[in-house]
Amino acid sequence: MGRLVFQVQALVRGYIRKGGKSNRRQQAARMVAFARFCEQQGAADIHGVGARHAIRYWRQHRDLAPATLYNHYRAFCVLWELSGKAGKPPEPITCLS
């Protein structure tokens, strides 16, 4: 595991402690999986993760069901918020209206 995964794990540690436990654990696992994907794409830390990484992730996972993609998107929104990034991550194609 690289630096980015450790940063994301540190961010979600407090997130898991509050609210519905099983859902938050699932969301945290999705955030860590996204961090691993971003590390493979060359991101060194949380500040190097951006919309381009999310778009690549959506392209690689376009075979997932729309509901699953939406759950991943909600996890990315939480990660964006926890990391202090402006705006929201790009939505997967199936979530656009």
PDB file of N, CA and C in Angstrom:
ATOM      1  N   MET A   1       0.841  -1.184   0.000  1.00  0.00           N
ATOM      2  CA  MET A   1       0.000   0.000   0.000  1.00  0.00           C
ATOM      3  C   MET A   1       0.878   1.236   0.000  1.00  0.00           C
ATOM      4  N   GLY A   2       0.437   2.185  -0.755  1.00  0.00           N
ATOM      5  CA  GLY A   2       1.178   3.419  -0.872  1.00  0.00           C
ATOM      6  C   GLY A   2       0.632   4.512   0.025  1.00  0.00           C
ATOM      7  N   ARG A   3       1.212   5.668  -0.159  1.00  0.00           N
ATOM      8  CA  ARG A   3       0.871   6.823   0.656  1.00  0.00           C
ATOM      9  C   ARG A   3      -0.593   7.228   0.486  1.00  0.00           C
ATOM     10  N   LEU A   4      -1.086   7.185  -0.740  1.00  0.00           N
ATOM     11  CA  LEU A   4      -2.466   7.590  -1.009  1.00  0.00           C
ATOM     12  C   LEU A   4      -3.465   6.708  -0.267  1.00  0.00           C
ATOM     13  N   VAL A   5      -3.240   5.414  -0.264  1.00  0.00           N
ATOM     14  CA  VAL A   5      -4.152   4.498   0.435  1.00  0.00           C
ATOM     15  C   VAL A   5      -4.143   4.794   1.931  1.00  0.00           C
ATOM     16  N   PHE A   6      -2.969   5.052   2.499  1.00  0.00           N
ATOM     17  CA  PHE A   6      -2.894   5.383   3.923  1.00  0.00           C
ATOM     18  C   PHE A   6      -3.627   6.691   4.220  1.00  0.00           C
ATOM     19  N   GLN A   7      -3.500   7.676   3.329  1.00  0.00           N
ATOM     20  CA  GLN A   7      -4.204   8.942   3.530  1.00  0.00           C
ATOM     21  C   GLN A   7      -5.720   8.734   3.516  1.00  0.00           C
ATOM     22  N   VAL A   8      -6.199   7.948   2.573  1.00  0.00           N
ATOM     23  CA  VAL A   8      -7.642   7.699   2.483  1.00  0.00           C
ATOM     24  C   VAL A   8      -8.119   6.914   3.698  1.00  0.00           C
ATOM     25  N   GLN A   9      -7.351   5.920   4.127  1.00  0.00           N
ATOM     26  CA  GLN A   9      -7.735   5.160   5.320  1.00  0.00           C
ATOM     27  C   GLN A   9      -7.807   6.067   6.546  1.00  0.00           C
ATOM     28  N   ALA A  10      -6.889   7.017   6.650  1.00  0.00           N
ATOM     29  CA  ALA A  10      -6.918   7.952   7.773  1.00  0.00           C
ATOM     30  C   ALA A  10      -8.150   8.855   7.697  1.00  0.00           C
ATOM     31  N   LEU A  11      -8.524   9.273   6.489  1.00  0.00           N
ATOM     32  CA  LEU A  11      -9.702  10.126   6.330  1.00  0.00           C
ATOM     33  C   LEU A  11     -10.990   9.396   6.692  1.00  0.00           C
ATOM     34  N   VAL A  12     -11.096   8.130   6.302  1.00  0.00           N
ATOM     35  CA  VAL A  12     -12.353   7.406   6.508  1.00  0.00           C
ATOM     36  C   VAL A  12     -12.462   6.780   7.893  1.00  0.00           C
ATOM     37  N   ARG A  13     -11.388   6.784   8.655  1.00  0.00           N
ATOM     38  CA  ARG A  13     -11.431   6.179   9.991  1.00  0.00           C
ATOM     39  C   ARG A  13     -12.524   6.817  10.846  1.00  0.00           C
ATOM     40  N   GLY A  14     -12.582   8.135  10.864  1.00  0.00           N
ATOM     41  CA  GLY A  14     -13.618   8.818  11.635  1.00  0.00           C
ATOM     42  C   GLY A  14     -14.992   8.700  11.007  1.00  0.00           C
ATOM     43  N   TYR A  15     -15.034   8.608   9.686  1.00  0.00           N
ATOM     44  CA  TYR A  15     -16.302   8.476   8.962  1.00  0.00           C
ATOM     45  C   TYR A  15     -17.006   7.171   9.315  1.00  0.00           C
ATOM     46  N   ILE A  16     -16.246   6.103   9.476  1.00  0.00           N
ATOM     47  CA  ILE A  16     -16.822   4.786   9.773  1.00  0.00           C
ATOM     48  C   ILE A  16     -17.461   4.758  11.160  1.00  0.00           C
ATOM     49  N   ARG A  17     -16.947   5.556  12.071  1.00  0.00           N
ATOM     50  CA  ARG A  17     -17.414   5.509  13.458  1.00  0.00           C
ATOM     51  C   ARG A  17     -18.828   6.051  13.649  1.00  0.00           C
ATOM     52  N   LYS A  18     -19.313   6.843  12.710  1.00  0.00           N
ATOM     53  CA  LYS A  18     -20.621   7.479  12.873  1.00  0.00           C
ATOM     54  C   LYS A  18     -21.623   6.878  11.907  1.00  0.00           C
ATOM     55  N   GLY A  19     -22.893   6.923  12.254  1.00  0.00           N
ATOM     56  CA  GLY A  19     -23.950   6.507  11.334  1.00  0.00           C
ATOM     57  C   GLY A  19     -24.096   5.004  11.198  1.00  0.00           C
ATOM     58  N   GLY A  20     -24.757   4.596  10.110  1.00  0.00           N
ATOM     59  CA  GLY A  20     -24.995   3.178   9.834  1.00  0.00           C
ATOM     60  C   GLY A  20     -23.701   2.458   9.514  1.00  0.00           C
ATOM     61  N   LYS A  21     -23.348   1.534  10.343  1.00  0.00           N
ATOM     62  CA  LYS A  21     -22.027   0.901  10.259  1.00  0.00           C
ATOM     63  C   LYS A  21     -21.797   0.100   8.981  1.00  0.00           C
ATOM     64  N   SER A  22     -22.740  -0.736   8.592  1.00  0.00           N
ATOM     65  CA  SER A  22     -22.487  -1.598   7.430  1.00  0.00           C
ATOM     66  C   SER A  22     -22.360  -0.774   6.156  1.00  0.00           C
ATOM     67  N   ASN A  23     -23.217   0.233   5.981  1.00  0.00           N
ATOM     68  CA  ASN A  23     -23.129   1.079   4.797  1.00  0.00           C
ATOM     69  C   ASN A  23     -21.824   1.863   4.785  1.00  0.00           C
ATOM     70  N   ARG A  24     -21.441   2.384   5.917  1.00  0.00           N
ATOM     71  CA  ARG A  24     -20.211   3.175   5.965  1.00  0.00           C
ATOM     72  C   ARG A  24     -18.983   2.307   5.719  1.00  0.00           C
ATOM     73  N   ARG A  25     -19.007   1.075   6.171  1.00  0.00           N
ATOM     74  CA  ARG A  25     -17.894   0.170   5.873  1.00  0.00           C
ATOM     75  C   ARG A  25     -17.807  -0.094   4.378  1.00  0.00           C
ATOM     76  N   GLN A  26     -18.957  -0.295   3.736  1.00  0.00           N
ATOM     77  CA  GLN A  26     -18.970  -0.497   2.283  1.00  0.00           C
ATOM     78  C   GLN A  26     -18.436   0.737   1.561  1.00  0.00           C
ATOM     79  N   GLN A  27     -18.882   1.908   1.991  1.00  0.00           N
ATOM     80  CA  GLN A  27     -18.424   3.140   1.358  1.00  0.00           C
ATOM     81  C   GLN A  27     -16.919   3.319   1.559  1.00  0.00           C
ATOM     82  N   ALA A  28     -16.432   3.020   2.754  1.00  0.00           N
ATOM     83  CA  ALA A  28     -14.999   3.138   3.024  1.00  0.00           C
ATOM     84  C   ALA A  28     -14.205   2.180   2.146  1.00  0.00           C
ATOM     85  N   ALA A  29     -14.704   0.971   1.963  1.00  0.00           N
ATOM     86  CA  ALA A  29     -14.023   0.004   1.099  1.00  0.00           C
ATOM     87  C   ALA A  29     -13.976   0.509  -0.339  1.00  0.00           C
ATOM     88  N   ARG A  30     -15.046   1.154  -0.790  1.00  0.00           N
ATOM     89  CA  ARG A  30     -15.059   1.720  -2.145  1.00  0.00           C
ATOM     90  C   ARG A  30     -14.053   2.854  -2.271  1.00  0.00           C
ATOM     91  N   MET A  31     -13.931   3.671  -1.226  1.00  0.00           N
ATOM     92  CA  MET A  31     -12.968   4.772  -1.250  1.00  0.00           C
ATOM     93  C   MET A  31     -11.539   4.241  -1.317  1.00  0.00           C
ATOM     94  N   VAL A  32     -11.242   3.212  -0.541  1.00  0.00           N
ATOM     95  CA  VAL A  32      -9.897   2.623  -0.550  1.00  0.00           C
ATOM     96  C   VAL A  32      -9.618   1.961  -1.895  1.00  0.00           C
ATOM     97  N   ALA A  33     -10.614   1.305  -2.475  1.00  0.00           N
ATOM     98  CA  ALA A  33     -10.437   0.698  -3.800  1.00  0.00           C
ATOM     99  C   ALA A  33     -10.147   1.773  -4.842  1.00  0.00           C
ATOM    100  N   PHE A  34     -10.824   2.910  -4.738  1.00  0.00           N
ATOM    101  CA  PHE A  34     -10.564   4.025  -5.654  1.00  0.00           C
ATOM    102  C   PHE A  34      -9.153   4.566  -5.446  1.00  0.00           C
ATOM    103  N   ALA A  35      -8.706   4.633  -4.194  1.00  0.00           N
ATOM    104  CA  ALA A  35      -7.346   5.101  -3.913  1.00  0.00           C
ATOM    105  C   ALA A  35      -6.313   4.159  -4.525  1.00  0.00           C
ATOM    106  N   ARG A  36      -6.544   2.866  -4.429  1.00  0.00           N
ATOM    107  CA  ARG A  36      -5.627   1.899  -5.054  1.00  0.00           C
ATOM    108  C   ARG A  36      -5.601   2.085  -6.568  1.00  0.00           C
ATOM    109  N   PHE A  37      -6.771   2.293  -7.162  1.00  0.00           N
ATOM    110  CA  PHE A  37      -6.855   2.528  -8.600  1.00  0.00           C
ATOM    111  C   PHE A  37      -6.060   3.786  -8.971  1.00  0.00           C
ATOM    112  N   CYS A  38      -6.220   4.852  -8.190  1.00  0.00           N
ATOM    113  CA  CYS A  38      -5.511   6.105  -8.474  1.00  0.00           C
ATOM    114  C   CYS A  38      -4.005   5.938  -8.338  1.00  0.00           C
ATOM    115  N   GLU A  39      -3.564   5.151  -7.370  1.00  0.00           N
ATOM    116  CA  GLU A  39      -2.134   4.877  -7.238  1.00  0.00           C
ATOM    117  C   GLU A  39      -1.605   4.164  -8.470  1.00  0.00           C
ATOM    118  N   GLN A  40      -2.375   3.232  -9.001  1.00  0.00           N
ATOM    119  CA  GLN A  40      -1.960   2.536 -10.221  1.00  0.00           C
ATOM    120  C   GLN A  40      -1.893   3.495 -11.401  1.00  0.00           C
ATOM    121  N   GLN A  41      -2.697   4.550 -11.355  1.00  0.00           N
ATOM    122  CA  GLN A  41      -2.711   5.544 -12.424  1.00  0.00           C
ATOM    123  C   GLN A  41      -1.638   6.613 -12.226  1.00  0.00           C
ATOM    124  N   GLY A  42      -0.897   6.545 -11.117  1.00  0.00           N
ATOM    125  CA  GLY A  42       0.224   7.453 -10.910  1.00  0.00           C
ATOM    126  C   GLY A  42       0.023   8.553  -9.890  1.00  0.00           C
ATOM    127  N   ALA A  43      -1.100   8.597  -9.201  1.00  0.00           N
ATOM    128  CA  ALA A  43      -1.322   9.618  -8.180  1.00  0.00           C
ATOM    129  C   ALA A  43      -0.513   9.269  -6.934  1.00  0.00           C
ATOM    130  N   ALA A  44       0.224  10.248  -6.422  1.00  0.00           N
ATOM    131  CA  ALA A  44       1.091  10.006  -5.273  1.00  0.00           C
ATOM    132  C   ALA A  44       0.390  10.271  -3.943  1.00  0.00           C
ATOM    133  N   ASP A  45      -0.490  11.271  -3.913  1.00  0.00           N
ATOM    134  CA  ASP A  45      -1.205  11.575  -2.680  1.00  0.00           C
ATOM    135  C   ASP A  45      -2.604  12.085  -3.010  1.00  0.00           C
ATOM    136  N   ILE A  46      -3.373  12.401  -1.985  1.00  0.00           N
ATOM    137  CA  ILE A  46      -4.780  12.770  -2.158  1.00  0.00           C
ATOM    138  C   ILE A  46      -4.927  14.046  -2.974  1.00  0.00           C
ATOM    139  N   HIS A  47      -3.938  14.918  -2.932  1.00  0.00           N
ATOM    140  CA  HIS A  47      -4.020  16.175  -3.677  1.00  0.00           C
ATOM    141  C   HIS A  47      -3.808  15.964  -5.171  1.00  0.00           C
ATOM    142  N   GLY A  48      -3.265  14.819  -5.543  1.00  0.00           N
ATOM    143  CA  GLY A  48      -3.059  14.509  -6.950  1.00  0.00           C
ATOM    144  C   GLY A  48      -4.223  13.791  -7.595  1.00  0.00           C
ATOM    145  N   VAL A  49      -5.258  13.507  -6.816  1.00  0.00           N
ATOM    146  CA  VAL A  49      -6.437  12.806  -7.334  1.00  0.00           C
ATOM    147  C   VAL A  49      -7.441  13.846  -7.814  1.00  0.00           C
ATOM    148  N   GLY A  50      -7.956  13.631  -9.006  1.00  0.00           N
ATOM    149  CA  GLY A  50      -8.910  14.590  -9.551  1.00  0.00           C
ATOM    150  C   GLY A  50      -9.947  13.939 -10.431  1.00  0.00           C
ATOM    151  N   ALA A  51     -10.611  14.767 -11.190  1.00  0.00           N
ATOM    152  CA  ALA A  51     -11.695  14.311 -12.060  1.00  0.00           C
ATOM    153  C   ALA A  51     -11.203  13.302 -13.088  1.00  0.00           C
ATOM    154  N   ARG A  52      -9.999  13.487 -13.577  1.00  0.00           N
ATOM    155  CA  ARG A  52      -9.467  12.567 -14.585  1.00  0.00           C
ATOM    156  C   ARG A  52      -9.407  11.136 -14.056  1.00  0.00           C
ATOM    157  N   HIS A  53      -9.025  10.981 -12.790  1.00  0.00           N
ATOM    158  CA  HIS A  53      -8.971   9.642 -12.197  1.00  0.00           C
ATOM    159  C   HIS A  53     -10.369   9.041 -12.076  1.00  0.00           C
ATOM    160  N   ALA A  54     -11.333   9.863 -11.690  1.00  0.00           N
ATOM    161  CA  ALA A  54     -12.706   9.360 -11.574  1.00  0.00           C
ATOM    162  C   ALA A  54     -13.244   8.933 -12.933  1.00  0.00           C
ATOM    163  N   ILE A  55     -12.962   9.698 -13.976  1.00  0.00           N
ATOM    164  CA  ILE A  55     -13.429   9.348 -15.321  1.00  0.00           C
ATOM    165  C   ILE A  55     -12.798   8.040 -15.778  1.00  0.00           C
ATOM    166  N   ARG A  56     -11.512   7.877 -15.528  1.00  0.00           N
ATOM    167  CA  ARG A  56     -10.852   6.612 -15.885  1.00  0.00           C
ATOM    168  C   ARG A  56     -11.457   5.439 -15.118  1.00  0.00           C
ATOM    169  N   TYR A  57     -11.769   5.683 -13.850  1.00  0.00           N
ATOM    170  CA  TYR A  57     -12.391   4.636 -13.031  1.00  0.00           C
ATOM    171  C   TYR A  57     -13.738   4.242 -13.623  1.00  0.00           C
ATOM    172  N   TRP A  58     -14.545   5.240 -14.014  1.00  0.00           N
ATOM    173  CA  TRP A  58     -15.857   4.938 -14.604  1.00  0.00           C
ATOM    174  C   TRP A  58     -15.708   4.155 -15.898  1.00  0.00           C
ATOM    175  N   ARG A  59     -14.734   4.530 -16.706  1.00  0.00           N
ATOM    176  CA  ARG A  59     -14.530   3.813 -17.973  1.00  0.00           C
ATOM    177  C   ARG A  59     -14.142   2.362 -17.735  1.00  0.00           C
ATOM    178  N   GLN A  60     -13.321   2.139 -16.737  1.00  0.00           N
ATOM    179  CA  GLN A  60     -12.875   0.776 -16.452  1.00  0.00           C
ATOM    180  C   GLN A  60     -13.991  -0.066 -15.824  1.00  0.00           C
ATOM    181  N   HIS A  61     -14.930   0.563 -15.130  1.00  0.00           N
ATOM    182  CA  HIS A  61     -15.984  -0.157 -14.418  1.00  0.00           C
ATOM    183  C   HIS A  61     -17.359   0.073 -15.036  1.00  0.00           C
ATOM    184  N   ARG A  62     -17.424   0.356 -16.317  1.00  0.00           N
ATOM    185  CA  ARG A  62     -18.718   0.638 -16.950  1.00  0.00           C
ATOM    186  C   ARG A  62     -19.628  -0.583 -17.035  1.00  0.00           C
ATOM    187  N   ASP A  63     -19.090  -1.766 -16.761  1.00  0.00           N
ATOM    188  CA  ASP A  63     -19.914  -2.974 -16.808  1.00  0.00           C
ATOM    189  C   ASP A  63     -20.733  -3.188 -15.529  1.00  0.00           C
ATOM    190  N   LEU A  64     -20.519  -2.373 -14.509  1.00  0.00           N
ATOM    191  CA  LEU A  64     -21.279  -2.504 -13.260  1.00  0.00           C
ATOM    192  C   LEU A  64     -22.712  -2.012 -13.451  1.00  0.00           C
ATOM    193  N   ALA A  65     -23.595  -2.503 -12.623  1.00  0.00           N
ATOM    194  CA  ALA A  65     -24.999  -2.088 -12.669  1.00  0.00           C
ATOM    195  C   ALA A  65     -25.119  -0.605 -12.304  1.00  0.00           C
ATOM    196  N   PRO A  66     -26.125   0.075 -12.847  1.00  0.00           N
ATOM    197  CA  PRO A  66     -26.301   1.501 -12.538  1.00  0.00           C
ATOM    198  C   PRO A  66     -26.408   1.791 -11.039  1.00  0.00           C
ATOM    199  N   ALA A  67     -27.077   0.938 -10.295  1.00  0.00           N
ATOM    200  CA  ALA A  67     -27.196   1.156  -8.849  1.00  0.00           C
ATOM    201  C   ALA A  67     -25.833   1.048  -8.164  1.00  0.00           C
ATOM    202  N   THR A  68     -25.019   0.114  -8.607  1.00  0.00           N
ATOM    203  CA  THR A  68     -23.679  -0.050  -8.042  1.00  0.00           C
ATOM    204  C   THR A  68     -22.812   1.153  -8.386  1.00  0.00           C
ATOM    205  N   LEU A  69     -22.892   1.616  -9.621  1.00  0.00           N
ATOM    206  CA  LEU A  69     -22.140   2.810 -10.018  1.00  0.00           C
ATOM    207  C   LEU A  69     -22.552   4.015  -9.180  1.00  0.00           C
ATOM    208  N   TYR A  70     -23.841   4.130  -8.919  1.00  0.00           N
ATOM    209  CA  TYR A  70     -24.318   5.240  -8.104  1.00  0.00           C
ATOM    210  C   TYR A  70     -23.769   5.143  -6.680  1.00  0.00           C
ATOM    211  N   ASN A  71     -23.714   3.944  -6.122  1.00  0.00           N
ATOM    212  CA  ASN A  71     -23.145   3.763  -4.781  1.00  0.00           C
ATOM    213  C   ASN A  71     -21.671   4.140  -4.762  1.00  0.00           C
ATOM    214  N   HIS A  72     -20.946   3.796  -5.805  1.00  0.00           N
ATOM    215  CA  HIS A  72     -19.540   4.189  -5.904  1.00  0.00           C
ATOM    216  C   HIS A  72     -19.437   5.712  -6.001  1.00  0.00           C
ATOM    217  N   TYR A  73     -20.313   6.309  -6.782  1.00  0.00           N
ATOM    218  CA  TYR A  73     -20.314   7.768  -6.924  1.00  0.00           C
ATOM    219  C   TYR A  73     -20.554   8.448  -5.581  1.00  0.00           C
ATOM    220  N   ARG A  74     -21.496   7.946  -4.801  1.00  0.00           N
ATOM    221  CA  ARG A  74     -21.762   8.532  -3.478  1.00  0.00           C
ATOM    222  C   ARG A  74     -20.535   8.406  -2.569  1.00  0.00           C
ATOM    223  N   ALA A  75     -19.818   7.287  -2.678  1.00  0.00           N
ATOM    224  CA  ALA A  75     -18.586   7.125  -1.896  1.00  0.00           C
ATOM    225  C   ALA A  75     -17.548   8.152  -2.336  1.00  0.00           C
ATOM    226  N   PHE A  76     -17.451   8.399  -3.645  1.00  0.00           N
ATOM    227  CA  PHE A  76     -16.500   9.394  -4.147  1.00  0.00           C
ATOM    228  C   PHE A  76     -16.877  10.792  -3.661  1.00  0.00           C
ATOM    229  N   CYS A  77     -18.178  11.085  -3.598  1.00  0.00           N
ATOM    230  CA  CYS A  77     -18.624  12.384  -3.090  1.00  0.00           C
ATOM    231  C   CYS A  77     -18.176  12.579  -1.643  1.00  0.00           C
ATOM    232  N   VAL A  78     -18.317  11.539  -0.851  1.00  0.00           N
ATOM    233  CA  VAL A  78     -17.882  11.616   0.549  1.00  0.00           C
ATOM    234  C   VAL A  78     -16.367  11.799   0.613  1.00  0.00           C
ATOM    235  N   LEU A  79     -15.630  11.070  -0.215  1.00  0.00           N
ATOM    236  CA  LEU A  79     -14.171  11.206  -0.239  1.00  0.00           C
ATOM    237  C   LEU A  79     -13.773  12.623  -0.639  1.00  0.00           C
ATOM    238  N   TRP A  80     -14.453  13.186  -1.634  1.00  0.00           N
ATOM    239  CA  TRP A  80     -14.169  14.561  -2.062  1.00  0.00           C
ATOM    240  C   TRP A  80     -14.381  15.512  -0.891  1.00  0.00           C
ATOM    241  N   GLU A  81     -15.467  15.306  -0.160  1.00  0.00           N
ATOM    242  CA  GLU A  81     -15.785  16.171   0.975  1.00  0.00           C
ATOM    243  C   GLU A  81     -14.767  16.009   2.100  1.00  0.00           C
ATOM    244  N   LEU A  82     -14.420  14.767   2.430  1.00  0.00           N
ATOM    245  CA  LEU A  82     -13.464  14.515   3.511  1.00  0.00           C
ATOM    246  C   LEU A  82     -12.085  15.073   3.188  1.00  0.00           C
ATOM    247  N   SER A  83     -11.706  15.050   1.915  1.00  0.00           N
ATOM    248  CA  SER A  83     -10.379  15.523   1.529  1.00  0.00           C
ATOM    249  C   SER A  83     -10.346  17.024   1.273  1.00  0.00           C
ATOM    250  N   GLY A  84     -11.501  17.688   1.346  1.00  0.00           N
ATOM    251  CA  GLY A  84     -11.543  19.135   1.179  1.00  0.00           C
ATOM    252  C   GLY A  84     -11.467  19.601  -0.264  1.00  0.00           C
ATOM    253  N   LYS A  85     -11.782  18.743  -1.201  1.00  0.00           N
ATOM    254  CA  LYS A  85     -11.762  19.122  -2.611  1.00  0.00           C
ATOM    255  C   LYS A  85     -13.011  19.936  -2.945  1.00  0.00           C
ATOM    256  N   ALA A  86     -12.843  20.883  -3.857  1.00  0.00           N
ATOM    257  CA  ALA A  86     -13.964  21.727  -4.275  1.00  0.00           C
ATOM    258  C   ALA A  86     -14.868  20.973  -5.238  1.00  0.00           C
ATOM    259  N   GLY A  87     -16.147  21.270  -5.182  1.00  0.00           N
ATOM    260  CA  GLY A  87     -17.091  20.673  -6.117  1.00  0.00           C
ATOM    261  C   GLY A  87     -17.369  19.217  -5.814  1.00  0.00           C
ATOM    262  N   LYS A  88     -17.757  18.506  -6.873  1.00  0.00           N
ATOM    263  CA  LYS A  88     -18.069  17.082  -6.758  1.00  0.00           C
ATOM    264  C   LYS A  88     -17.316  16.322  -7.836  1.00  0.00           C
ATOM    265  N   PRO A  89     -17.116  15.033  -7.630  1.00  0.00           N
ATOM    266  CA  PRO A  89     -16.459  14.235  -8.679  1.00  0.00           C
ATOM    267  C   PRO A  89     -17.396  14.065  -9.875  1.00  0.00           C
ATOM    268  N   PRO A  90     -16.847  13.775 -11.045  1.00  0.00           N
ATOM    269  CA  PRO A  90     -17.708  13.536 -12.205  1.00  0.00           C
ATOM    270  C   PRO A  90     -18.591  12.309 -11.996  1.00  0.00           C
ATOM    271  N   GLU A  91     -19.809  12.399 -12.487  1.00  0.00           N
ATOM    272  CA  GLU A  91     -20.750  11.288 -12.356  1.00  0.00           C
ATOM    273  C   GLU A  91     -20.507  10.258 -13.451  1.00  0.00           C
ATOM    274  N   PRO A  92     -20.837   9.003 -13.167  1.00  0.00           N
ATOM    275  CA  PRO A  92     -20.772   8.010 -14.249  1.00  0.00           C
ATOM    276  C   PRO A  92     -21.851   8.313 -15.284  1.00  0.00           C
ATOM    277  N   ILE A  93     -21.652   7.860 -16.490  1.00  0.00           N
ATOM    278  CA  ILE A  93     -22.563   8.158 -17.595  1.00  0.00           C
ATOM    279  C   ILE A  93     -24.002   7.758 -17.270  1.00  0.00           C
ATOM    280  N   THR A  94     -24.200   6.627 -16.602  1.00  0.00           N
ATOM    281  CA  THR A  94     -25.563   6.148 -16.340  1.00  0.00           C
ATOM    282  C   THR A  94     -26.287   6.995 -15.302  1.00  0.00           C
ATOM    283  N   CYS A  95     -25.551   7.780 -14.500  1.00  0.00           N
ATOM    284  CA  CYS A  95     -26.193   8.608 -13.479  1.00  0.00           C
ATOM    285  C   CYS A  95     -26.596   9.976 -14.027  1.00  0.00           C
ATOM    286  N   LEU A  96     -26.098  10.338 -15.204  1.00  0.00           N
ATOM    287  CA  LEU A  96     -26.425  11.645 -15.760  1.00  0.00           C
ATOM    288  C   LEU A  96     -27.862  11.656 -16.251  1.00  0.00           C
ATOM    289  N   SER A  97     -28.526  12.773 -16.041  1.00  0.00           N
ATOM    290  CA  SER A  97     -29.905  12.858 -16.516  1.00  0.00           C
ATOM    291  C   SER A  97     -30.043  13.887 -17.608  1.00  0.00           C
TER     292      SER A  97
END
